[in-house]
């Protein structure tokens, strides 16, 4: 059994399944589970002044919305707000940084059943594996 597990979610329909699997790994001890979602930054370029929406404002709204969604999921599963992490950056990098910061000994993430070109482009789960220093469990999510 693991002492501290980070479960990374993407708010897809399968997120609850991924959280439930992570809970099994910690013997349903919510105090040993951290939940995280990473928002990728919106790229900004010169000339953005001509658009009606400031990309930084939009990014902040996305972060706020993501934090609210994470709190909803946390409330449904009993994960305390202090164990919910909404981060900004490259998902694989930020999850590994969080793992290092919290001294977690495992990471759980969903692995969607992609085929064809989606596999060639890679996924967050695959990118997370590269450079991981702890166990990474990918929960298989079949295509619907």
Protein backbone atom coordinates (compact mmCIF):
# COMPACT_ATOMS: atom_id res chain seq x y z
CA UNK A 1 0.00 0.00 0.00
CA UNK A 2 1.15 3.54 -0.70
CA UNK A 3 1.57 6.32 1.87
CA UNK A 4 0.66 9.26 -0.38
CA UNK A 5 -0.82 9.12 -3.87
CA UNK A 6 -1.48 11.94 -6.31
CA UNK A 7 -4.39 11.35 -8.64
CA UNK A 8 -4.37 13.53 -11.76
CA UNK A 9 -7.76 14.20 -13.33
CA UNK A 10 -8.90 15.80 -16.56
CA UNK A 11 -12.62 16.21 -15.70
CA UNK A 12 -13.67 13.70 -18.34
CA UNK A 13 -16.48 11.28 -17.53
CA UNK A 14 -13.84 8.77 -16.42
CA UNK A 15 -12.29 11.00 -13.72
CA UNK A 16 -14.37 9.42 -10.96
CA UNK A 17 -13.19 5.96 -12.05
CA UNK A 18 -9.56 7.11 -11.80
CA UNK A 19 -10.15 8.59 -8.32
CA UNK A 20 -11.86 5.40 -7.15
CA UNK A 21 -8.87 3.32 -8.31
CA UNK A 22 -6.48 5.65 -6.47
CA UNK A 23 -8.60 5.32 -3.33
CA UNK A 24 -8.18 1.55 -3.52
CA UNK A 25 -4.39 2.02 -3.54
CA UNK A 26 -4.50 3.91 -0.25
CA UNK A 27 -6.98 1.57 1.42
CA UNK A 28 -9.73 4.22 1.16
CA UNK A 29 -7.73 6.48 3.50
CA UNK A 30 -8.58 9.94 2.17
CA UNK A 31 -5.73 11.48 4.19
CA UNK A 32 -3.24 9.75 1.90
CA UNK A 33 -4.75 10.99 -1.36
CA UNK A 34 -4.07 14.26 -3.19
CA UNK A 35 -6.06 15.23 -6.28
CA UNK A 36 -4.71 17.49 -9.02
CA UNK A 37 -5.71 19.11 -12.28
CA UNK A 38 -3.32 21.05 -14.49
CA UNK A 39 -4.43 23.85 -16.80
CA UNK A 40 -2.17 24.43 -19.78
CA UNK A 41 -1.21 28.09 -20.27
CA UNK A 42 -2.79 30.04 -23.09
CA UNK A 43 -0.04 31.13 -25.47
CA UNK A 44 0.16 34.87 -25.94
CA UNK A 45 1.59 36.61 -28.95
CA UNK A 46 2.24 40.18 -29.97
CA UNK A 47 -0.84 41.91 -31.27
CA UNK A 48 -3.24 40.31 -28.80
CA UNK A 49 -4.47 43.83 -27.92
CA UNK A 50 -6.73 43.67 -30.97
CA UNK A 51 -8.80 40.87 -29.45
CA UNK A 52 -11.71 41.66 -27.15
CA UNK A 53 -10.63 39.10 -24.54
CA UNK A 54 -7.37 39.44 -22.68
CA UNK A 55 -5.73 35.98 -22.75
CA UNK A 56 -4.50 36.36 -19.16
CA UNK A 57 -8.05 37.13 -17.98
CA UNK A 58 -9.32 34.11 -19.90
CA UNK A 59 -6.61 31.91 -18.40
CA UNK A 60 -7.54 33.11 -14.90
CA UNK A 61 -11.20 32.28 -15.57
CA UNK A 62 -10.21 28.80 -16.74
CA UNK A 63 -8.11 28.32 -13.57
CA UNK A 64 -11.03 29.44 -11.40
CA UNK A 65 -13.46 27.19 -13.23
CA UNK A 66 -11.05 24.26 -12.95
CA UNK A 67 -10.63 24.84 -9.21
CA UNK A 68 -14.42 24.80 -8.85
CA UNK A 69 -14.71 21.55 -10.83
CA UNK A 70 -11.94 20.00 -8.74
CA UNK A 71 -13.71 21.05 -5.56
CA UNK A 72 -16.95 19.44 -6.81
CA UNK A 73 -15.11 16.20 -7.49
CA UNK A 74 -13.33 16.45 -4.15
CA UNK A 75 -16.61 17.03 -2.34
CA UNK A 76 -18.20 14.01 -4.05
CA UNK A 77 -15.32 11.76 -3.06
CA UNK A 78 -14.58 13.26 0.36
CA UNK A 79 -11.17 14.70 -0.51
CA UNK A 80 -10.50 17.75 1.64
CA UNK A 81 -9.92 21.11 -0.07
CA UNK A 82 -6.39 21.22 1.38
CA UNK A 83 -5.61 18.15 -0.74
CA UNK A 84 -6.93 19.62 -4.00
CA UNK A 85 -4.40 21.19 -6.37
CA UNK A 86 -5.21 23.28 -9.43
CA UNK A 87 -1.98 24.09 -11.23
CA UNK A 88 -0.92 26.09 -14.29
CA UNK A 89 1.68 24.67 -16.66
CA UNK A 90 2.59 21.60 -18.67
CA UNK A 91 0.58 18.74 -17.10
CA UNK A 92 3.29 16.07 -16.94
CA UNK A 93 5.88 18.50 -15.58
CA UNK A 94 3.55 20.04 -12.99
CA UNK A 95 2.35 16.66 -11.75
CA UNK A 96 5.94 15.45 -11.30
CA UNK A 97 6.81 18.70 -9.48
CA UNK A 98 3.80 18.25 -7.18
CA UNK A 99 4.82 14.66 -6.51
CA UNK A 100 8.30 15.83 -5.53
CA UNK A 101 6.98 18.69 -3.38
CA UNK A 102 4.50 16.48 -1.50
CA UNK A 103 6.86 13.48 -1.34
CA UNK A 104 4.16 11.26 -2.82
CA UNK A 105 5.16 7.69 -3.59
CA UNK A 106 2.78 7.10 -6.51
CA UNK A 107 0.80 8.89 -9.21
CA UNK A 108 -2.48 7.68 -10.71
CA UNK A 109 -3.76 8.96 -14.06
CA UNK A 110 -6.28 7.83 -16.64
CA UNK A 111 -5.05 6.37 -19.91
CA UNK A 112 -7.66 6.81 -22.59
CA UNK A 113 -7.90 4.08 -25.22
CA UNK A 114 -6.65 6.11 -28.14
CA UNK A 115 -5.75 4.54 -31.42
CA UNK A 116 -4.09 5.63 -34.64
CA UNK A 117 -2.62 9.13 -34.79
CA UNK A 118 -3.55 9.95 -31.18
CA UNK A 119 -1.13 7.30 -29.94
CA UNK A 120 1.67 8.68 -32.12
CA UNK A 121 1.23 12.18 -30.69
CA UNK A 122 1.47 10.90 -27.15
CA UNK A 123 -0.63 11.67 -24.12
CA UNK A 124 -0.19 13.19 -20.70
CA UNK A 125 0.08 9.69 -19.19
CA UNK A 126 2.94 8.76 -21.53
CA UNK A 127 4.72 12.07 -20.98
CA UNK A 128 4.31 11.68 -17.22
CA UNK A 129 6.09 8.33 -17.30
CA UNK A 130 9.19 9.91 -18.82
CA UNK A 131 11.11 11.32 -15.90
CA UNK A 132 8.88 9.88 -13.18
CA UNK A 133 10.76 8.81 -10.06
CA UNK A 134 7.84 6.96 -8.43
CA UNK A 135 5.29 4.38 -9.49
CA UNK A 136 2.79 5.63 -12.06
CA UNK A 137 -0.46 3.73 -12.42
CA UNK A 138 -2.43 4.34 -15.57
CA UNK A 139 -6.07 3.39 -15.26
CA UNK A 140 -7.24 2.15 -18.64
CA UNK A 141 -10.26 4.00 -19.95
CA UNK A 142 -11.76 2.29 -23.01
CA UNK A 143 -13.10 4.29 -25.93
CA UNK A 144 -16.86 4.61 -25.85
